[in-house]
C-alpha atoms as a PDB file:
ATOM      1  CA  MET A   1      60.065  66.850 213.847  1.00  0.00           C
ATOM      2  CA  SER A   2      61.394  69.676 211.909  1.00  0.00           C
ATOM      3  CA  ASP A   3      58.796  70.931 208.580  1.00  0.00           C
ATOM      4  CA  ALA A   4      61.975  72.448 207.077  1.00  0.00           C
ATOM      5  CA  THR A   5      63.065  71.410 203.955  1.00  0.00           C
ATOM      6  CA  THR A   6      66.928  71.607 202.099  1.00  0.00           C
ATOM      7  CA  THR A   7      67.516  74.501 199.907  1.00  0.00           C
ATOM      8  CA  ASN A   8      70.493  75.145 197.448  1.00  0.00           C
ATOM      9  CA  GLN A   9      72.374  77.964 198.552  1.00  0.00           C
ATOM     10  CA  ALA A  10      75.049  80.223 197.081  1.00  0.00           C
ATOM     11  CA  GLU A  11      77.818  82.047 198.467  1.00  0.00           C
ATOM     12  CA  PRO A  12      78.907  85.384 196.769  1.00  0.00           C
ATOM     13  CA  VAL A  13      82.208  85.876 195.834  1.00  0.00           C
ATOM     14  CA  ASP A  14      84.406  88.475 194.401  1.00  0.00           C
ATOM     15  CA  LEU A  15      86.952  87.179 191.708  1.00  0.00           C
ATOM     16  CA  ASP A  16      88.815  90.145 190.882  1.00  0.00           C
ATOM     17  CA  GLY A  17      89.166  91.374 194.464  1.00  0.00           C
ATOM     18  CA  ASP A  18      87.607  94.866 193.540  1.00  0.00           C
ATOM     19  CA  GLY A  19      84.987  94.386 196.798  1.00  0.00           C
ATOM     20  CA  VAL A  20      82.188  94.041 194.043  1.00  0.00           C
ATOM     21  CA  ILE A  21      80.295  90.484 194.555  1.00  0.00           C
ATOM     22  CA  ASP A  22      80.560  89.183 190.368  1.00  0.00           C
ATOM     23  CA  ALA A  23      79.934  85.725 191.004  1.00  0.00           C
ATOM     24  CA  ALA A  24      79.053  82.893 193.373  1.00  0.00           C
ATOM     25  CA  TYR A  25      79.024  79.868 194.283  1.00  0.00           C
ATOM     26  CA  VAL A  26      76.108  77.349 193.857  1.00  0.00           C
ATOM     27  CA  ASP A  27      75.145  73.926 195.377  1.00  0.00           C
ATOM     28  CA  THR A  28      72.489  73.494 193.461  1.00  0.00           C
ATOM     29  CA  ASP A  29      70.967  70.191 194.988  1.00  0.00           C
ATOM     30  CA  GLY A  30      71.273  71.243 198.288  1.00  0.00           C
ATOM     31  CA  ASN A  31      73.338  68.440 199.451  1.00  0.00           C
ATOM     32  CA  GLY A  32      76.582  71.118 200.963  1.00  0.00           C
ATOM     33  CA  VAL A  33      78.757  70.896 198.043  1.00  0.00           C
ATOM     34  CA  VAL A  34      79.266  73.349 195.751  1.00  0.00           C
ATOM     35  CA  ASP A  35      78.495  72.456 191.938  1.00  0.00           C
ATOM     36  CA  ALA A  36      78.304  75.591 190.053  1.00  0.00           C
ATOM     37  CA  LEU A  37      79.828  78.845 189.796  1.00  0.00           C
ATOM     38  CA  ALA A  38      78.082  81.525 188.075  1.00  0.00           C
ATOM     39  CA  ALA A  39      79.650  84.628 187.808  1.00  0.00           C
ATOM     40  CA  ASP A  40      79.354  87.872 185.805  1.00  0.00           C
ATOM     41  CA  THR A  41      82.602  88.030 183.941  1.00  0.00           C
ATOM     42  CA  ASN A  42      82.228  91.539 182.143  1.00  0.00           C
ATOM     43  CA  ALA A  43      80.702  93.900 185.437  1.00  0.00           C
ATOM     44  CA  ASP A  44      77.524  94.392 183.390  1.00  0.00           C
ATOM     45  CA  GLY A  45      75.239  92.813 186.474  1.00  0.00           C
ATOM     46  CA  VAL A  46      74.078  90.065 184.369  1.00  0.00           C
ATOM     47  CA  ILE A  47      75.757  86.092 184.582  1.00  0.00           C
ATOM     48  CA  ASP A  48      77.100  85.284 181.661  1.00  0.00           C
ATOM     49  CA  THR A  49      79.609  82.442 182.474  1.00  0.00           C
ATOM     50  CA  VAL A  50      78.277  79.371 184.074  1.00  0.00           C
ATOM     51  CA  ALA A  51      80.524  76.692 185.072  1.00  0.00           C
ATOM     52  CA  VAL A  52      79.437  73.362 186.240  1.00  0.00           C
ATOM     53  CA  ASP A  53      81.102  69.934 188.642  1.00  0.00           C
ATOM     54  CA  LEU A  54      78.359  67.612 187.758  1.00  0.00           C
ATOM     55  CA  ASP A  55      79.802  64.867 189.416  1.00  0.00           C
ATOM     56  CA  GLU A  56      81.277  66.925 192.310  1.00  0.00           C
ATOM     57  CA  ASN A  57      84.545  66.334 192.393  1.00  0.00           C
ATOM     58  CA  GLY A  58      86.065  69.435 192.185  1.00  0.00           C
ATOM     59  CA  VAL A  59      86.708  69.142 188.495  1.00  0.00           C
ATOM     60  CA  ILE A  60      84.800  71.563 185.877  1.00  0.00           C
ATOM     61  CA  ASP A  61      83.184  69.226 183.656  1.00  0.00           C
ATOM     62  CA  GLY A  62      81.521  71.886 181.420  1.00  0.00           C
ATOM     63  CA  VAL A  63      80.934  75.993 180.758  1.00  0.00           C
ATOM     64  CA  ALA A  64      78.264  77.438 179.324  1.00  0.00           C
ATOM     65  CA  VAL A  65      78.990  81.587 178.284  1.00  0.00           C
ATOM     66  CA  ASP A  66      77.242  84.569 176.723  1.00  0.00           C
ATOM     67  CA  ALA A  67      79.692  85.868 174.726  1.00  0.00           C
ATOM     68  CA  ASP A  68      77.337  88.625 173.030  1.00  0.00           C
ATOM     69  CA  GLY A  69      75.337  89.643 176.467  1.00  0.00           C
ATOM     70  CA  ASP A  70      71.888  88.692 175.372  1.00  0.00           C
ATOM     71  CA  GLY A  71      70.742  86.564 178.113  1.00  0.00           C
ATOM     72  CA  GLU A  72      71.286  83.330 176.292  1.00  0.00           C
ATOM     73  CA  LEU A  73      74.140  80.540 176.876  1.00  0.00           C
ATOM     74  CA  GLU A  74      74.810  80.124 173.030  1.00  0.00           C
ATOM     75  CA  THR A  75      78.705  79.046 173.459  1.00  0.00           C
ATOM     76  CA  VAL A  76      79.246  75.526 175.596  1.00  0.00           C
ATOM     77  CA  GLY A  77      81.918  73.481 176.689  1.00  0.00           C
ATOM     78  CA  VAL A  78      82.060  70.035 177.804  1.00  0.00           C
ATOM     79  CA  ASP A  79      85.468  68.039 179.556  1.00  0.00           C
ATOM     80  CA  ALA A  80      83.791  64.464 179.381  1.00  0.00           C
ATOM     81  CA  ASP A  81      87.248  62.818 180.775  1.00  0.00           C
ATOM     82  CA  GLU A  82      88.122  66.302 183.319  1.00  0.00           C
ATOM     83  CA  ASP A  83      91.311  65.869 181.264  1.00  0.00           C
ATOM     84  CA  GLY A  84      91.776  70.308 181.494  1.00  0.00           C
ATOM     85  CA  LYS A  85      90.412  69.858 177.197  1.00  0.00           C
ATOM     86  CA  PHE A  86      87.189  70.534 176.012  1.00  0.00           C
ATOM     87  CA  GLU A  87      85.949  67.586 173.701  1.00  0.00           C
ATOM     88  CA  THR A  88      83.001  69.338 173.233  1.00  0.00           C
ATOM     89  CA  VAL A  89      82.283  72.534 171.721  1.00  0.00           C
ATOM     90  CA  ALA A  90      79.242  73.986 171.138  1.00  0.00           C
ATOM     91  CA  VAL A  91      79.065  77.705 169.351  1.00  0.00           C
ATOM     92  CA  GLY A  92      74.797  78.458 168.511  1.00  0.00           C
ATOM     93  CA  GLU A  93      74.338  75.955 166.572  1.00  0.00           C
ATOM     94  CA  ASP A  94      77.728  74.637 165.295  1.00  0.00           C
ATOM     95  CA  VAL A  95      79.546  71.633 167.209  1.00  0.00           C
ATOM     96  CA  ALA A  96      83.516  71.223 168.029  1.00  0.00           C
ATOM     97  CA  ILE A  97      84.544  67.445 168.804  1.00  0.00           C
ATOM     98  CA  ASP A  98      87.897  66.782 169.690  1.00  0.00           C
ATOM     99  CA  THR A  99      87.618  62.431 169.397  1.00  0.00           C
ATOM    100  CA  ASP A 100      91.373  62.274 169.815  1.00  0.00           C
ATOM    101  CA  ASP A 101      91.589  63.949 172.834  1.00  0.00           C
ATOM    102  CA  ASP A 102      94.649  66.220 171.314  1.00  0.00           C
ATOM    103  CA  GLY A 103      93.325  69.682 171.874  1.00  0.00           C
ATOM    104  CA  GLU A 104      92.031  69.804 168.266  1.00  0.00           C
ATOM    105  CA  ALA A 105      88.778  69.470 167.025  1.00  0.00           C
ATOM    106  CA  ASP A 106      88.852  66.936 163.975  1.00  0.00           C
ATOM    107  CA  THR A 107      84.736  66.551 163.543  1.00  0.00           C
ATOM    108  CA  TRP A 108      82.831  69.654 162.719  1.00  0.00           C
ATOM    109  CA  VAL A 109      78.403  69.468 162.662  1.00  0.00           C
ATOM    110  CA  GLN A 110      77.225  72.416 160.858  1.00  0.00           C
ATOM    111  CA  ASP A 111      74.320  72.833 162.557  1.00  0.00           C
ATOM    112  CA  ALA A 112      71.814  71.705 165.048  1.00  0.00           C
ATOM    113  CA  GLU A 113      69.692  69.362 163.103  1.00  0.00           C
ATOM    114  CA  LEU A 114      73.134  67.636 162.669  1.00  0.00           C
ATOM    115  CA  ASP A 115      72.273  68.027 158.619  1.00  0.00           C
ATOM    116  CA  SER A 116      75.756  68.614 157.896  1.00  0.00           C
ATOM    117  CA  THR A 117      78.886  66.671 159.077  1.00  0.00           C
ATOM    118  CA  VAL A 118      82.634  67.556 158.554  1.00  0.00           C
ATOM    119  CA  THR A 119      85.405  65.783 159.805  1.00  0.00           C
ATOM    120  CA  ASP A 120      88.798  66.813 159.837  1.00  0.00           C
ATOM    121  CA  ASP A 121      88.863  70.143 161.272  1.00  0.00           C
ATOM    122  CA  PRO A 122      88.004  72.847 158.858  1.00  0.00           C
ATOM    123  CA  ILE A 123      90.107  75.592 160.478  1.00  0.00           C
ATOM    124  CA  ASP A 124      93.484  74.318 160.467  1.00  0.00           C
ATOM    125  CA  GLY A 125      94.750  74.047 163.992  1.00  0.00           C
ATOM    126  CA  ALA A 126      91.365  74.946 166.241  1.00  0.00           C
ATOM    127  CA  ASP A 127      91.907  74.385 169.501  1.00  0.00           C
ATOM    128  CA  LEU A 128      89.128  73.520 171.812  1.00  0.00           C
ATOM    129  CA  VAL A 129      91.418  74.349 175.079  1.00  0.00           C
END
């Protein structure tokens, strides 16, 4: 009987084909199925984008991005129905929600404490795709 345990595995990836590893496919739960991609999209040596496939069906369910390079993921997009369009996008403390799945935000929560909600997109034609 072995004392070995299953460990999470990461497979290095060269996304742009330049010979430098800039991402890793990750099996976060150790079941042999890749369920996340961690990437350094600006080549500064720091992971700034994480894409996850929570139900492991091969379709990305959410993306988190560190757009300003401070080491914190401040932009998050969620595609709950897996149609390729984000229904919810959070940027800092603001959240945009597409309740009718047309690709445009129609409800905005203007702070993380949910003190202020605006319906009908305040940014005309704001696209969540």
